[in-house]
Protein backbone atom coordinates (compact mmCIF):
# COMPACT_ATOMS: atom_id res chain seq x y z
CA MET A 1 123.15 70.39 114.19
CA ALA A 2 124.84 73.36 112.54
CA SER A 3 121.83 73.79 110.26
CA LEU A 4 119.45 73.81 113.22
CA LEU A 5 121.62 76.36 115.00
CA ASP A 6 121.66 78.56 111.88
CA GLN A 7 117.87 78.39 111.60
CA ALA A 8 117.47 79.15 115.31
CA GLY A 9 119.86 82.09 114.94
CA LYS A 10 117.92 83.47 111.97
CA LEU A 11 114.61 83.06 113.80
CA GLY A 12 116.04 84.76 116.86
CA TRP A 13 117.28 87.67 114.77
CA ILE A 14 113.89 88.03 113.08
CA LEU A 15 112.14 88.09 116.48
CA LEU A 16 114.64 90.55 117.93
CA ARG A 17 114.30 92.84 114.92
CA ALA A 18 110.50 92.65 115.12
CA LEU A 19 110.57 93.59 118.82
CA LEU A 20 112.97 96.47 118.20
CA ARG A 21 110.76 97.75 115.36
CA PHE A 22 107.67 97.51 117.56
CA PHE A 23 109.41 99.35 120.41
CA PHE A 24 110.56 102.10 118.03
CA MET A 25 107.09 102.53 116.53
CA PHE A 26 105.49 102.52 119.98
CA LEU A 27 107.77 105.37 121.01
CA ASN A 28 107.15 107.05 117.66
CA ASN A 29 103.41 107.12 118.34
CA CYS A 30 103.85 108.16 121.98
CA PHE A 31 105.90 111.19 120.93
CA ALA A 32 104.40 112.22 117.57
CA ILE A 33 100.64 111.91 118.05
CA PRO A 34 100.37 113.81 121.37
CA SER A 35 102.69 116.48 119.89
CA TYR A 36 100.39 116.89 116.88
CA CYS A 37 97.39 117.30 119.20
CA LEU A 38 99.15 119.72 121.56
CA PHE A 39 100.43 121.92 118.73
CA LEU A 40 96.89 122.21 117.38
CA ILE A 41 95.56 123.09 120.84
CA LEU A 42 98.20 125.81 121.06
CA LEU A 43 97.16 127.11 117.63
CA GLN A 44 93.44 127.43 118.42
CA PRO A 45 93.63 131.27 118.48
CA LEU A 46 94.99 131.13 114.93
CA ARG A 47 92.04 128.95 113.94
CA ILE A 48 89.71 131.74 115.05
CA MET A 49 91.70 134.53 113.39
CA ASP A 50 92.73 132.74 110.18
CA SER A 51 91.25 129.27 109.74
CA ARG A 52 92.90 128.84 106.33
CA ALA A 53 96.38 129.25 107.85
CA PHE A 54 95.46 126.92 110.71
CA TRP A 55 94.35 124.10 108.41
CA HIS A 56 97.41 124.64 106.22
CA ILE A 57 99.66 124.03 109.24
CA GLU A 58 97.53 121.09 110.34
CA GLY A 59 97.80 119.59 106.85
CA VAL A 60 101.59 119.88 106.86
CA MET A 61 101.82 118.09 110.22
CA PHE A 62 99.30 115.48 109.04
CA ARG A 63 101.50 114.77 106.03
CA TRP A 64 104.51 114.39 108.33
CA LEU A 65 102.63 111.83 110.42
CA LEU A 66 101.70 109.84 107.32
CA ALA A 67 105.33 110.04 106.18
CA MET A 68 106.30 108.64 109.57
CA VAL A 69 104.06 105.62 108.92
CA SER A 70 105.47 105.31 105.39
CA SER A 71 108.99 105.22 106.78
CA TRP A 72 108.18 102.10 108.82
CA GLY A 73 107.59 100.15 105.62
CA TRP A 74 110.35 101.91 103.68
CA ILE A 75 112.98 100.91 106.25
CA ALA A 76 111.86 97.26 105.99
CA GLY A 77 112.23 97.33 102.20
CA TYR A 78 108.51 97.61 101.41
CA THR A 79 108.44 99.84 98.35
CA VAL A 80 105.99 100.80 95.61
CA THR A 81 106.13 100.62 91.82
CA GLU A 82 103.57 102.69 89.91
CA TRP A 83 101.87 101.96 86.58
CA GLY A 84 99.34 103.60 84.29
CA ASP A 85 98.50 107.29 84.25
CA ASP A 86 100.75 109.80 85.99
CA VAL A 87 98.53 111.58 88.53
CA ARG A 88 101.05 114.24 89.54
CA PRO A 89 99.86 116.74 86.87
CA ILE A 90 96.38 116.73 88.45
CA SER A 91 97.53 116.71 92.07
CA GLU A 92 96.36 120.31 92.64
CA GLU A 93 92.91 119.67 91.16
CA GLU A 94 89.96 118.14 92.99
CA ALA A 95 89.53 114.38 92.64
CA MET A 96 87.69 111.39 94.04
CA VAL A 97 89.93 108.34 94.47
CA ILE A 98 88.42 104.83 94.32
CA VAL A 99 90.62 101.96 95.50
CA ASN A 100 90.27 98.17 95.70
CA HIS A 101 90.50 96.87 99.26
CA GLN A 102 92.40 93.73 100.27
CA SER A 103 93.89 94.43 103.69
CA THR A 104 94.89 97.08 106.24
CA GLY A 105 98.13 97.48 104.29
CA ASP A 106 96.22 99.23 101.49
CA VAL A 107 96.00 102.38 103.62
CA CYS A 108 99.72 102.24 104.40
CA THR A 109 100.50 101.79 100.71
CA LEU A 110 98.45 104.87 99.82
CA MET A 111 100.10 106.85 102.61
CA MET A 112 103.43 106.03 100.99
CA CYS A 113 102.75 106.40 97.27
CA LEU A 114 100.87 109.71 97.57
CA GLN A 115 103.69 111.41 99.47
CA ASP A 116 105.30 112.72 96.26
CA LYS A 117 102.02 113.93 94.69
CA GLY A 118 102.16 117.63 95.53
CA THR A 119 99.80 118.75 98.29
CA VAL A 120 97.55 115.70 97.97
CA VAL A 121 98.35 114.12 101.35
CA ARG A 122 97.81 117.24 103.43
CA LYS A 123 94.65 118.20 101.54
CA MET A 124 92.96 114.82 101.35
CA MET A 125 90.01 113.37 103.21
CA TRP A 126 89.71 109.64 103.92
CA LEU A 127 86.58 107.53 104.22
CA MET A 128 87.30 104.53 106.44
CA ASP A 129 85.61 101.96 108.63
CA HIS A 130 84.49 103.30 112.01
CA VAL A 131 86.68 100.73 113.80
CA PHE A 132 89.71 102.76 112.69
CA LYS A 133 88.51 105.55 114.99
CA TYR A 134 89.60 103.46 117.98
CA THR A 135 93.16 102.85 116.80
CA ASN A 136 96.23 104.88 117.79
CA PHE A 137 95.83 106.98 114.63
CA GLY A 138 92.08 107.46 115.02
CA LEU A 139 92.37 110.70 117.01
CA VAL A 140 94.58 112.21 114.29
CA SER A 141 92.06 111.28 111.59
CA LEU A 142 89.22 112.65 113.69
CA ILE A 143 90.98 116.01 114.06
CA HIS A 144 91.95 116.07 110.39
CA GLY A 145 88.29 115.65 109.43
CA ASP A 146 88.21 112.16 107.95
CA PHE A 147 84.88 110.34 107.90
CA PHE A 148 84.31 107.07 109.75
CA ILE A 149 81.57 105.00 108.18
CA ARG A 150 79.67 102.10 109.77
CA GLN A 151 79.08 99.10 107.53
CA GLY A 152 75.91 97.01 107.32
CA LYS A 153 72.37 97.40 106.02
CA ALA A 154 71.09 98.62 109.38
CA HIS A 155 73.34 101.70 109.22
CA ARG A 156 73.57 102.33 105.46
CA ASP A 157 70.92 105.02 104.92
CA LYS A 158 71.84 107.01 108.04
CA GLN A 159 75.54 106.83 107.20
CA LEU A 160 74.96 108.38 103.78
CA VAL A 161 73.06 111.26 105.39
CA TYR A 162 75.90 111.72 107.86
CA LEU A 163 78.44 111.60 105.03
CA LYS A 164 76.72 114.38 103.09
CA ARG A 165 76.50 116.51 106.22
CA HIS A 166 80.19 115.87 106.93
CA LEU A 167 81.23 116.87 103.39
CA ASP A 168 79.14 120.04 103.52
CA GLN A 169 80.66 120.99 106.86
CA PHE A 170 84.33 120.07 106.47
CA TYR A 171 85.44 119.41 102.89
CA HIS A 172 85.64 122.95 101.50
CA SER A 173 86.08 124.78 104.80
CA ARG A 174 89.29 122.82 105.41
CA GLU A 175 90.60 123.22 101.85
CA ARG A 176 90.32 119.53 100.94
CA LYS A 177 91.00 118.51 97.34
CA TRP A 178 91.19 114.70 97.18
CA ILE A 179 88.79 112.29 98.83
CA VAL A 180 89.69 108.59 99.13
CA LEU A 181 87.20 105.75 99.48
CA PHE A 182 87.06 101.97 99.15
CA PRO A 183 83.77 101.28 97.31
CA GLU A 184 83.87 97.53 98.04
CA GLY A 185 83.01 98.32 101.66
CA GLY A 186 85.34 95.76 103.21
CA PHE A 187 88.29 93.43 102.68
CA LEU A 188 88.31 91.10 99.68
CA ARG A 189 88.60 87.93 101.76
CA LYS A 190 85.53 88.89 103.81
CA ARG A 191 83.26 90.01 100.97
CA ARG A 192 84.23 87.79 98.03
CA GLU A 193 81.80 84.93 98.69
CA THR A 194 78.84 87.24 99.32
CA SER A 195 79.70 89.34 96.28
CA GLN A 196 79.95 86.29 94.01
CA ALA A 197 76.58 84.99 95.23
CA PHE A 198 75.02 88.41 94.54
CA ALA A 199 76.62 88.50 91.08
CA LYS A 200 75.32 85.03 90.21
CA LYS A 201 71.82 85.90 91.36
CA ASN A 202 71.75 89.12 89.31
CA GLU A 203 73.67 87.84 86.25
CA LEU A 204 76.64 90.09 86.91
CA PRO A 205 80.32 89.30 86.20
CA HIS A 206 82.03 86.71 88.41
CA LEU A 207 84.98 88.37 90.14
CA GLU A 208 87.88 86.70 91.96
CA HIS A 209 90.37 89.49 92.68
CA VAL A 210 87.89 92.25 93.60
CA THR A 211 84.26 92.39 94.71
CA LEU A 212 81.30 94.29 93.33
CA PRO A 213 81.41 97.88 94.64
CA ARG A 214 78.68 99.60 96.60
CA LEU A 215 77.14 102.71 95.14
CA GLY A 216 76.00 104.82 98.09
CA ALA A 217 79.08 106.74 99.23
CA THR A 218 80.33 107.24 95.68
CA GLN A 219 77.06 108.80 94.58
CA VAL A 220 76.85 111.06 97.65
CA ILE A 221 80.38 112.35 97.00
CA LEU A 222 79.71 113.02 93.32
CA LYS A 223 76.45 114.84 93.99
CA THR A 224 77.81 116.84 96.93
CA LEU A 225 81.25 117.80 95.63
CA GLY A 226 80.65 117.81 91.89
CA VAL A 227 79.24 120.65 89.83
CA GLN A 228 76.00 119.50 88.25
CA GLN A 229 75.19 120.98 84.85
CA GLU A 230 71.68 121.72 83.62
CA ASN A 231 71.65 118.51 81.57
CA GLY A 232 72.31 116.46 84.72
CA THR A 233 75.95 115.65 84.00
CA LEU A 234 78.93 116.65 86.09
CA GLY A 235 81.62 119.10 85.09
CA ALA A 236 84.04 121.65 86.48
CA ALA A 237 82.72 125.12 87.25
CA GLY A 238 82.97 127.13 84.09
CA ASP A 239 82.30 124.20 81.74
CA GLY A 240 78.82 125.49 81.19
CA PRO A 241 75.73 126.78 83.02
CA ALA A 242 75.25 124.97 86.30
CA ASN A 243 72.19 124.98 88.50
CA ILE A 244 73.89 123.54 91.59
CA THR A 245 77.51 123.83 92.66
CA ALA A 246 79.31 122.42 95.66
CA ALA A 247 80.96 125.79 96.21
CA THR A 248 77.74 127.74 96.58
CA GLN A 249 76.16 125.01 98.68
CA THR A 250 78.93 125.11 101.27
CA GLY A 251 79.83 128.78 101.20
CA ALA A 252 83.30 127.98 99.86
CA SER A 253 85.28 130.21 97.58
CA LYS A 254 83.69 130.69 94.17
CA SER A 255 87.07 129.96 92.58
CA ARG A 256 86.76 126.27 93.46
CA GLN A 257 86.01 124.09 90.50
CA GLY A 258 84.38 121.13 92.25
CA LEU A 259 85.44 117.59 91.47
CA GLN A 260 87.38 117.43 88.22
CA TRP A 261 88.68 113.86 88.18
CA VAL A 262 88.02 110.33 89.32
CA VAL A 263 91.31 108.54 90.02
CA ASP A 264 90.89 104.77 89.81
CA VAL A 265 93.64 103.07 91.86
CA THR A 266 94.33 99.34 91.70
CA ILE A 267 96.71 97.84 94.26
CA GLY A 268 98.40 94.54 93.45
CA TYR A 269 100.53 92.47 95.82
CA PRO A 270 103.03 89.87 94.54
CA LYS A 271 101.48 86.36 94.49
CA ALA A 272 98.20 87.91 95.69
CA ARG A 273 99.53 88.07 99.27
CA PRO A 274 98.24 91.35 100.73
CA MET A 275 100.47 93.38 103.02
CA ASP A 276 98.78 94.05 106.38
CA ILE A 277 99.54 96.56 109.11
CA GLN A 278 101.16 93.87 111.27
CA THR A 279 103.71 93.27 108.52
CA TRP A 280 104.48 96.99 108.38
CA ILE A 281 104.98 97.10 112.13
CA PHE A 282 107.04 93.95 112.69
CA GLY A 283 108.73 93.72 109.27
CA TYR A 284 108.82 89.91 109.25
CA ARG A 285 108.19 89.62 105.49
CA PRO A 286 111.21 89.94 103.16
CA PRO A 287 111.50 93.19 101.15
CA THR A 288 108.42 93.43 98.92
CA VAL A 289 107.38 95.66 96.03
CA THR A 290 103.69 96.60 95.99
CA HIS A 291 102.36 97.58 92.56
CA VAL A 292 99.89 100.45 92.15
CA HIS A 293 98.06 101.18 88.90
CA TYR A 294 96.37 104.54 88.21
CA ARG A 295 93.73 105.43 85.67
CA THR A 296 92.16 108.89 85.53
CA TYR A 297 88.71 109.88 84.26
CA PRO A 298 87.53 113.46 83.68
CA ILE A 299 84.50 114.09 85.86
CA LYS A 300 82.38 114.92 82.79
CA ASP A 301 82.69 111.26 81.73
CA VAL A 302 81.26 110.00 85.02
CA PRO A 303 77.44 109.63 85.26
CA VAL A 304 75.70 110.62 88.47
CA GLU A 305 72.25 109.03 88.15
CA THR A 306 71.82 105.74 89.96
CA GLU A 307 71.46 103.24 87.12
CA ALA A 308 74.17 104.74 84.90
CA LEU A 309 76.58 105.25 87.79
CA THR A 310 76.06 101.66 88.97
CA GLU A 311 76.94 100.36 85.52
CA TRP A 312 79.95 102.69 85.27
CA LEU A 313 81.26 101.70 88.71
CA TYR A 314 80.78 97.97 88.04
CA GLN A 315 82.74 98.37 84.81
CA ARG A 316 85.65 99.93 86.70
CA PHE A 317 85.86 96.90 88.97
CA VAL A 318 85.59 94.51 86.05
CA GLU A 319 88.61 96.34 84.64
CA LYS A 320 90.36 96.00 88.00
CA GLU A 321 89.69 92.26 87.83
CA GLU A 322 91.33 92.10 84.39
CA LEU A 323 94.28 94.22 85.54
CA LEU A 324 94.92 92.05 88.58
CA ALA A 325 94.48 88.79 86.66
CA HIS A 326 97.16 89.98 84.22
CA PHE A 327 99.38 91.15 87.08
CA TYR A 328 99.18 87.86 89.00
CA LYS A 329 99.95 85.94 85.82
CA THR A 330 102.84 88.07 84.51
CA GLY A 331 104.06 90.16 87.46
CA ALA A 332 103.27 93.39 85.60
CA PHE A 333 100.20 95.43 84.73
CA PRO A 334 99.21 95.49 81.03
CA PRO A 335 100.04 98.48 78.81
CA ARG A 336 97.58 101.29 78.36
CA LYS A 337 95.79 101.79 75.06
CA GLY A 338 98.25 103.10 72.49
CA GLN A 339 101.28 101.72 74.33
CA ALA A 340 103.42 98.94 72.90
CA GLU A 341 104.45 97.89 76.39
CA ALA A 342 103.65 98.92 79.93
CA VAL A 343 106.01 101.37 81.60
CA SER A 344 106.50 101.33 85.36
CA ARG A 345 107.81 104.06 87.65
CA PRO A 346 109.54 103.30 90.96
CA MET A 347 108.13 105.49 93.70
CA THR A 348 110.92 106.82 95.91
CA LEU A 349 111.09 108.62 99.24
CA ASP A 350 113.93 110.84 100.37
CA PRO A 351 115.65 109.10 103.32
CA VAL A 352 117.04 112.42 104.56
CA TRP A 353 113.52 113.86 104.67
CA LEU A 354 112.21 110.74 106.45
CA CYS A 355 115.01 111.06 109.00
CA ALA A 356 114.10 114.72 109.52
CA ILE A 357 110.45 113.76 110.11
CA GLN A 358 111.44 111.22 112.73
CA THR A 359 113.77 113.73 114.39
CA TRP A 360 110.94 116.28 114.51
CA ALA A 361 108.62 113.68 116.08
CA PHE A 362 110.97 112.82 118.92
CA ALA A 363 112.23 116.38 119.45
CA SER A 364 108.73 117.85 119.62
CA GLY A 365 107.61 115.06 121.93
CA TYR A 366 110.52 115.74 124.28
CA LEU A 367 109.77 119.48 124.12
CA TRP A 368 106.16 118.98 125.19
CA TYR A 369 107.15 116.51 127.89
CA SER A 370 109.60 119.03 129.36
CA LEU A 371 107.09 121.89 129.20
CA LEU A 372 104.32 119.88 130.82
CA GLN A 373 106.66 118.55 133.47
CA HIS A 374 107.78 122.08 134.38
CA ALA A 375 104.18 123.28 134.41
CA TYR A 376 103.19 120.43 136.74
CA CYS A 377 106.09 121.16 139.11
CA TRP A 378 105.24 124.88 139.11
CA LEU A 379 101.57 124.25 139.88
CA PHE A 380 102.02 121.54 142.48
């Protein structure tokens, strides 16, 4: 009887905590997201006079909102350990980030682990499924200039045209530096069977922990944002004579170098149990460490033509398969070439800063509520 009462008490506490977390996050969204939108409406004259200053301010507030989401997981004990290359030294250079995709928690994990990477979060552009547009955070992403892509063969060709147009219009004009995409085009559990059948039919590697990536968006990004040399390879502006540059195509500053890196990110969850957004919201899973592995490639080493790029991209996901197989077997990612053993780095967030972000969210929300209430009373 005592055991049953203890279990009922624990279950009751878990449910109560989940409800309290949900209520807090609901209020968080109700205060922070409208405040973000209203501040940007107020700053529209600045956008006309000095668009660079406007998008700088917008980027700072965007980073705060992502930190707010990160804090939900941080408070529940969901942390990140990093492996592989240290990407902080290249955080101020332009990069394309390719990530394996297992669940909605992948986005939350990236929101958290990129917080301490310089100006990356406020200067990044996300490529995500169009369904995300209709979530509570969709309006923020729409204003920030992220791209929502529709999946499926029926939409593929048009979406790539829209993507190129979007990059030409928003990437350089809004001072973006990193662009994040999930080349698999969907969650692992949804695409694995189809990917394995395609691999078997075309004599490609059999993958269990990732799926074969799709080429389209990756190639559009490389061709649009990279600097193409006369020999057809990519390189930073100044590496040699170039016949096409992203900067001149978009009217951006000539000082921009174009894409300089590809950052290959592999996310691993303990026991291959992905963290989803519901877990971040309700916090019903015990404290969990998500492991993130980085590998960087200079853009000059990345081919841009279809056949070579397809082979290069497939090889990256074969490597991800090997990394994850090792991780699920040992609990750690393997060492890099030249290392005797792998070295991990715990990613930390400043709790004082997180508290300040939350205070700003609620204070600004209350400010706007008071102002709008007074305006309504004055008008009516």
